PDB file of N, CA and C in Angstrom:
ATOM      1  N   MET A   1     219.690 -29.367-174.578  1.00  0.00           N
ATOM      2  CA  MET A   1     218.959 -29.134-175.807  1.00  0.00           C
ATOM      3  C   MET A   1     217.712 -28.323-175.468  1.00  0.00           C
ATOM      4  N   GLN A   2     217.462 -27.315-176.238  1.00  0.00           N
ATOM      5  CA  GLN A   2     216.289 -26.477-176.034  1.00  0.00           C
ATOM      6  C   GLN A   2     215.430 -26.490-177.281  1.00  0.00           C
ATOM      7  N   VAL A   3     214.148 -26.337-177.087  1.00  0.00           N
ATOM      8  CA  VAL A   3     213.220 -26.262-178.201  1.00  0.00           C
ATOM      9  C   VAL A   3     212.591 -24.886-178.184  1.00  0.00           C
ATOM     10  N   LYS A   4     212.689 -24.194-179.302  1.00  0.00           N
ATOM     11  CA  LYS A   4     212.105 -22.868-179.382  1.00  0.00           C
ATOM     12  C   LYS A   4     210.744 -22.912-180.072  1.00  0.00           C
ATOM     13  N   PHE A   5     210.648 -23.618-181.190  1.00  0.00           N
ATOM     14  CA  PHE A   5     209.403 -23.725-181.935  1.00  0.00           C
ATOM     15  C   PHE A   5     208.955 -25.179-181.953  1.00  0.00           C
ATOM     16  N   THR A   6     207.671 -25.390-181.870  1.00  0.00           N
ATOM     17  CA  THR A   6     207.116 -26.730-181.970  1.00  0.00           C
ATOM     18  C   THR A   6     206.536 -26.905-183.359  1.00  0.00           C
ATOM     19  N   ALA A   7     206.867 -27.998-183.998  1.00  0.00           N
ATOM     20  CA  ALA A   7     206.303 -28.308-185.307  1.00  0.00           C
ATOM     21  C   ALA A   7     204.911 -28.898-185.077  1.00  0.00           C
ATOM     22  N   VAL A   8     203.915 -28.037-185.028  1.00  0.00           N
ATOM     23  CA  VAL A   8     202.558 -28.442-184.669  1.00  0.00           C
ATOM     24  C   VAL A   8     202.028 -29.508-185.617  1.00  0.00           C
ATOM     25  N   VAL A   9     202.302 -29.361-186.892  1.00  0.00           N
ATOM     26  CA  VAL A   9     201.815 -30.342-187.860  1.00  0.00           C
ATOM     27  C   VAL A   9     202.422 -31.719-187.590  1.00  0.00           C
ATOM     28  N   ASP A  10     203.688 -31.764-187.213  1.00  0.00           N
ATOM     29  CA  ASP A  10     204.318 -33.046-186.875  1.00  0.00           C
ATOM     30  C   ASP A  10     203.675 -33.663-185.635  1.00  0.00           C
ATOM     31  N   GLU A  11     203.327 -32.849-184.667  1.00  0.00           N
ATOM     32  CA  GLU A  11     202.665 -33.341-183.455  1.00  0.00           C
ATOM     33  C   GLU A  11     201.284 -33.913-183.791  1.00  0.00           C
ATOM     34  N   LEU A  12     200.544 -33.238-184.655  1.00  0.00           N
ATOM     35  CA  LEU A  12     199.233 -33.737-185.062  1.00  0.00           C
ATOM     36  C   LEU A  12     199.357 -35.036-185.858  1.00  0.00           C
ATOM     37  N   ALA A  13     200.358 -35.122-186.709  1.00  0.00           N
ATOM     38  CA  ALA A  13     200.577 -36.352-187.486  1.00  0.00           C
ATOM     39  C   ALA A  13     200.931 -37.514-186.574  1.00  0.00           C
ATOM     40  N   SER A  14     201.714 -37.262-185.543  1.00  0.00           N
ATOM     41  CA  SER A  14     202.066 -38.320-184.584  1.00  0.00           C
ATOM     42  C   SER A  14     200.838 -38.805-183.833  1.00  0.00           C
ATOM     43  N   ALA A  15     199.980 -37.881-183.439  1.00  0.00           N
ATOM     44  CA  ALA A  15     198.743 -38.261-182.752  1.00  0.00           C
ATOM     45  C   ALA A  15     197.835 -39.066-183.680  1.00  0.00           C
ATOM     46  N   ALA A  16     197.762 -38.670-184.940  1.00  0.00           N
ATOM     47  CA  ALA A  16     196.937 -39.391-185.908  1.00  0.00           C
ATOM     48  C   ALA A  16     197.458 -40.803-186.125  1.00  0.00           C
ATOM     49  N   GLU A  17     198.765 -40.965-186.121  1.00  0.00           N
ATOM     50  CA  GLU A  17     199.340 -42.297-186.313  1.00  0.00           C
ATOM     51  C   GLU A  17     198.948 -43.244-185.184  1.00  0.00           C
ATOM     52  N   LEU A  18     198.832 -42.738-183.964  1.00  0.00           N
ATOM     53  CA  LEU A  18     198.394 -43.571-182.850  1.00  0.00           C
ATOM     54  C   LEU A  18     196.982 -44.098-183.073  1.00  0.00           C
ATOM     55  N   VAL A  19     196.128 -43.271-183.658  1.00  0.00           N
ATOM     56  CA  VAL A  19     194.751 -43.668-183.931  1.00  0.00           C
ATOM     57  C   VAL A  19     194.684 -44.607-185.127  1.00  0.00           C
ATOM     58  N   MET A  20     195.476 -44.309-186.158  1.00  0.00           N
ATOM     59  CA  MET A  20     195.407 -45.052-187.408  1.00  0.00           C
ATOM     60  C   MET A  20     196.040 -46.430-187.321  1.00  0.00           C
ATOM     61  N   GLY A  21     197.085 -46.574-186.534  1.00  0.00           N
ATOM     62  CA  GLY A  21     197.787 -47.846-186.450  1.00  0.00           C
ATOM     63  C   GLY A  21     198.755 -48.033-187.603  1.00  0.00           C
ATOM     64  N   GLN A  22     199.412 -49.176-187.599  1.00  0.00           N
ATOM     65  CA  GLN A  22     200.366 -49.514-188.654  1.00  0.00           C
ATOM     66  C   GLN A  22     200.127 -50.947-189.092  1.00  0.00           C
ATOM     67  N   GLY A  23     200.541 -51.283-190.301  1.00  0.00           N
ATOM     68  CA  GLY A  23     200.397 -52.651-190.781  1.00  0.00           C
ATOM     69  C   GLY A  23     198.956 -52.995-191.110  1.00  0.00           C
ATOM     70  N   LYS A  24     198.546 -54.228-190.761  1.00  0.00           N
ATOM     71  CA  LYS A  24     197.219 -54.721-191.120  1.00  0.00           C
ATOM     72  C   LYS A  24     196.081 -53.908-190.520  1.00  0.00           C
ATOM     73  N   GLU A  25     196.264 -53.427-189.292  1.00  0.00           N
ATOM     74  CA  GLU A  25     195.174 -52.719-188.635  1.00  0.00           C
ATOM     75  C   GLU A  25     195.041 -51.265-189.073  1.00  0.00           C
ATOM     76  N   ALA A  26     195.873 -50.824-189.986  1.00  0.00           N
ATOM     77  CA  ALA A  26     195.926 -49.405-190.362  1.00  0.00           C
ATOM     78  C   ALA A  26     194.591 -48.906-190.906  1.00  0.00           C
ATOM     79  N   ILE A  27     194.159 -47.807-190.353  1.00  0.00           N
ATOM     80  CA  ILE A  27     193.004 -47.070-190.852  1.00  0.00           C
ATOM     81  C   ILE A  27     193.588 -46.000-191.776  1.00  0.00           C
ATOM     82  N   PRO A  28     193.084 -45.861-193.010  1.00  0.00           N
ATOM     83  CA  PRO A  28     193.759 -44.984-193.974  1.00  0.00           C
ATOM     84  C   PRO A  28     193.669 -43.482-193.697  1.00  0.00           C
ATOM     85  N   VAL A  29     192.714 -43.045-192.869  1.00  0.00           N
ATOM     86  CA  VAL A  29     192.532 -41.609-192.654  1.00  0.00           C
ATOM     87  C   VAL A  29     192.180 -41.349-191.192  1.00  0.00           C
ATOM     88  N   ALA A  30     192.731 -40.266-190.643  1.00  0.00           N
ATOM     89  CA  ALA A  30     192.322 -39.786-189.325  1.00  0.00           C
ATOM     90  C   ALA A  30     191.900 -38.331-189.488  1.00  0.00           C
ATOM     91  N   ILE A  31     190.746 -38.007-188.945  1.00  0.00           N
ATOM     92  CA  ILE A  31     190.244 -36.633-189.029  1.00  0.00           C
ATOM     93  C   ILE A  31     190.474 -35.965-187.684  1.00  0.00           C
ATOM     94  N   ILE A  32     191.164 -34.844-187.705  1.00  0.00           N
ATOM     95  CA  ILE A  32     191.448 -34.096-186.482  1.00  0.00           C
ATOM     96  C   ILE A  32     190.457 -32.939-186.416  1.00  0.00           C
ATOM     97  N   LYS A  33     189.639 -32.952-185.376  1.00  0.00           N
ATOM     98  CA  LYS A  33     188.613 -31.916-185.230  1.00  0.00           C
ATOM     99  C   LYS A  33     188.988 -30.967-184.097  1.00  0.00           C
ATOM    100  N   GLY A  34     188.483 -29.759-184.176  1.00  0.00           N
ATOM    101  CA  GLY A  34     188.634 -28.803-183.090  1.00  0.00           C
ATOM    102  C   GLY A  34     189.978 -28.107-183.024  1.00  0.00           C
ATOM    103  N   PHE A  35     190.764 -28.217-184.061  1.00  0.00           N
ATOM    104  CA  PHE A  35     192.065 -27.534-184.070  1.00  0.00           C
ATOM    105  C   PHE A  35     191.965 -26.323-184.974  1.00  0.00           C
ATOM    106  N   ASN A  36     191.407 -25.243-184.439  1.00  0.00           N
ATOM    107  CA  ASN A  36     191.241 -24.063-185.268  1.00  0.00           C
ATOM    108  C   ASN A  36     191.673 -22.774-184.576  1.00  0.00           C
ATOM    109  N   ASN A  37     192.127 -22.853-183.359  1.00  0.00           N
ATOM    110  CA  ASN A  37     192.518 -21.646-182.634  1.00  0.00           C
ATOM    111  C   ASN A  37     193.948 -21.759-182.113  1.00  0.00           C
ATOM    112  N   LEU A  38     194.891 -21.853-182.991  1.00  0.00           N
ATOM    113  CA  LEU A  38     196.294 -21.920-182.600  1.00  0.00           C
ATOM    114  C   LEU A  38     196.780 -20.516-182.246  1.00  0.00           C
ATOM    115  N   VAL A  39     197.310 -20.373-181.046  1.00  0.00           N
ATOM    116  CA  VAL A  39     197.835 -19.091-180.599  1.00  0.00           C
ATOM    117  C   VAL A  39     199.347 -19.205-180.511  1.00  0.00           C
ATOM    118  N   VAL A  40     200.048 -18.337-181.215  1.00  0.00           N
ATOM    119  CA  VAL A  40     201.509 -18.343-181.185  1.00  0.00           C
ATOM    120  C   VAL A  40     202.007 -17.018-180.633  1.00  0.00           C
ATOM    121  N   ASP A  41     203.096 -17.097-179.900  1.00  0.00           N
ATOM    122  CA  ASP A  41     203.677 -15.898-179.304  1.00  0.00           C
ATOM    123  C   ASP A  41     204.442 -15.060-180.325  1.00  0.00           C
ATOM    124  N   GLU A  42     205.049 -15.747-181.289  1.00  0.00           N
ATOM    125  CA  GLU A  42     205.797 -15.042-182.316  1.00  0.00           C
ATOM    126  C   GLU A  42     205.699 -15.826-183.616  1.00  0.00           C
ATOM    127  N   PRO A  43     205.705 -15.158-184.743  1.00  0.00           N
ATOM    128  CA  PRO A  43     205.569 -15.855-186.020  1.00  0.00           C
ATOM    129  C   PRO A  43     206.759 -16.776-186.285  1.00  0.00           C
ATOM    130  N   SER A  44     206.489 -17.862-186.982  1.00  0.00           N
ATOM    131  CA  SER A  44     207.566 -18.791-187.329  1.00  0.00           C
ATOM    132  C   SER A  44     207.319 -19.320-188.735  1.00  0.00           C
ATOM    133  N   SER A  45     208.325 -19.972-189.264  1.00  0.00           N
ATOM    134  CA  SER A  45     208.217 -20.572-190.589  1.00  0.00           C
ATOM    135  C   SER A  45     208.971 -21.892-190.570  1.00  0.00           C
ATOM    136  N   SER A  46     208.903 -22.609-191.675  1.00  0.00           N
ATOM    137  CA  SER A  46     209.639 -23.870-191.755  1.00  0.00           C
ATOM    138  C   SER A  46     211.141 -23.629-191.668  1.00  0.00           C
ATOM    139  N   HIS A  47     211.574 -22.450-192.074  1.00  0.00           N
ATOM    140  CA  HIS A  47     213.001 -22.098-191.972  1.00  0.00           C
ATOM    141  C   HIS A  47     213.474 -22.088-190.519  1.00  0.00           C
ATOM    142  N   SER A  48     212.605 -21.680-189.617  1.00  0.00           N
ATOM    143  CA  SER A  48     212.981 -21.599-188.203  1.00  0.00           C
ATOM    144  C   SER A  48     213.169 -22.977-187.581  1.00  0.00           C
ATOM    145  N   LEU A  49     212.666 -24.041-188.237  1.00  0.00           N
ATOM    146  CA  LEU A  49     212.825 -25.398-187.723  1.00  0.00           C
ATOM    147  C   LEU A  49     214.139 -26.039-188.172  1.00  0.00           C
ATOM    148  N   ASN A  50     214.819 -25.437-189.130  1.00  0.00           N
ATOM    149  CA  ASN A  50     216.098 -25.971-189.601  1.00  0.00           C
ATOM    150  C   ASN A  50     217.164 -25.805-188.528  1.00  0.00           C
ATOM    151  N   ILE A  51     218.059 -26.800-188.456  1.00  0.00           N
ATOM    152  CA  ILE A  51     219.177 -26.710-187.519  1.00  0.00           C
ATOM    153  C   ILE A  51     220.482 -26.815-188.294  1.00  0.00           C
ATOM    154  N   SER A  52     221.521 -26.300-187.707  1.00  0.00           N
ATOM    155  CA  SER A  52     222.820 -26.349-188.378  1.00  0.00           C
ATOM    156  C   SER A  52     223.419 -27.748-188.254  1.00  0.00           C
ATOM    157  N   GLU A  53     224.439 -28.023-189.045  1.00  0.00           N
ATOM    158  CA  GLU A  53     225.107 -29.326-188.978  1.00  0.00           C
ATOM    159  C   GLU A  53     225.741 -29.552-187.613  1.00  0.00           C
ATOM    160  N   ASP A  54     226.195 -28.496-186.974  1.00  0.00           N
ATOM    161  CA  ASP A  54     226.798 -28.622-185.650  1.00  0.00           C
ATOM    162  C   ASP A  54     225.781 -29.034-184.592  1.00  0.00           C
ATOM    163  N   GLU A  55     224.531 -28.625-184.770  1.00  0.00           N
ATOM    164  CA  GLU A  55     223.473 -28.961-183.819  1.00  0.00           C
ATOM    165  C   GLU A  55     222.816 -30.308-184.104  1.00  0.00           C
ATOM    166  N   ASP A  56     223.068 -30.881-185.274  1.00  0.00           N
ATOM    167  CA  ASP A  56     222.428 -32.130-185.686  1.00  0.00           C
ATOM    168  C   ASP A  56     223.044 -33.313-184.949  1.00  0.00           C
ATOM    169  N   LEU A  57     222.260 -33.907-184.044  1.00  0.00           N
ATOM    170  CA  LEU A  57     222.767 -35.025-183.242  1.00  0.00           C
ATOM    171  C   LEU A  57     222.788 -36.340-184.017  1.00  0.00           C
ATOM    172  N   PHE A  58     222.070 -36.411-185.136  1.00  0.00           N
ATOM    173  CA  PHE A  58     221.912 -37.673-185.846  1.00  0.00           C
ATOM    174  C   PHE A  58     222.689 -37.785-187.139  1.00  0.00           C
ATOM    175  N   LYS A  59     223.365 -36.739-187.561  1.00  0.00           N
ATOM    176  CA  LYS A  59     224.038 -36.759-188.875  1.00  0.00           C
ATOM    177  C   LYS A  59     225.097 -37.847-188.973  1.00  0.00           C
ATOM    178  N   ASN A  60     225.794 -38.129-187.888  1.00  0.00           N
ATOM    179  CA  ASN A  60     226.842 -39.154-187.919  1.00  0.00           C
ATOM    180  C   ASN A  60     226.320 -40.557-187.676  1.00  0.00           C
ATOM    181  N   ALA A  61     225.039 -40.666-187.319  1.00  0.00           N
ATOM    182  CA  ALA A  61     224.458 -41.974-187.051  1.00  0.00           C
ATOM    183  C   ALA A  61     224.041 -42.699-188.334  1.00  0.00           C
ATOM    184  N   LEU A  62     223.891 -41.961-189.407  1.00  0.00           N
ATOM    185  CA  LEU A  62     223.421 -42.579-190.659  1.00  0.00           C
ATOM    186  C   LEU A  62     224.549 -43.129-191.468  1.00  0.00           C
TER     187      LEU A  62
END
């Protein structure tokens, strides 16, 4: 399996969840500071993150 594009927003959301917690200890908001200089080698879009049904490892698990 290879990864061509990273879903940066998903990575930031995962990091925020570690800070916020889950359940009773949940903090309702996490502020991410210092993320203003993202450098990308080539432009991408949400379309580029889509995978075909043949590449989907989880489709038969549901």
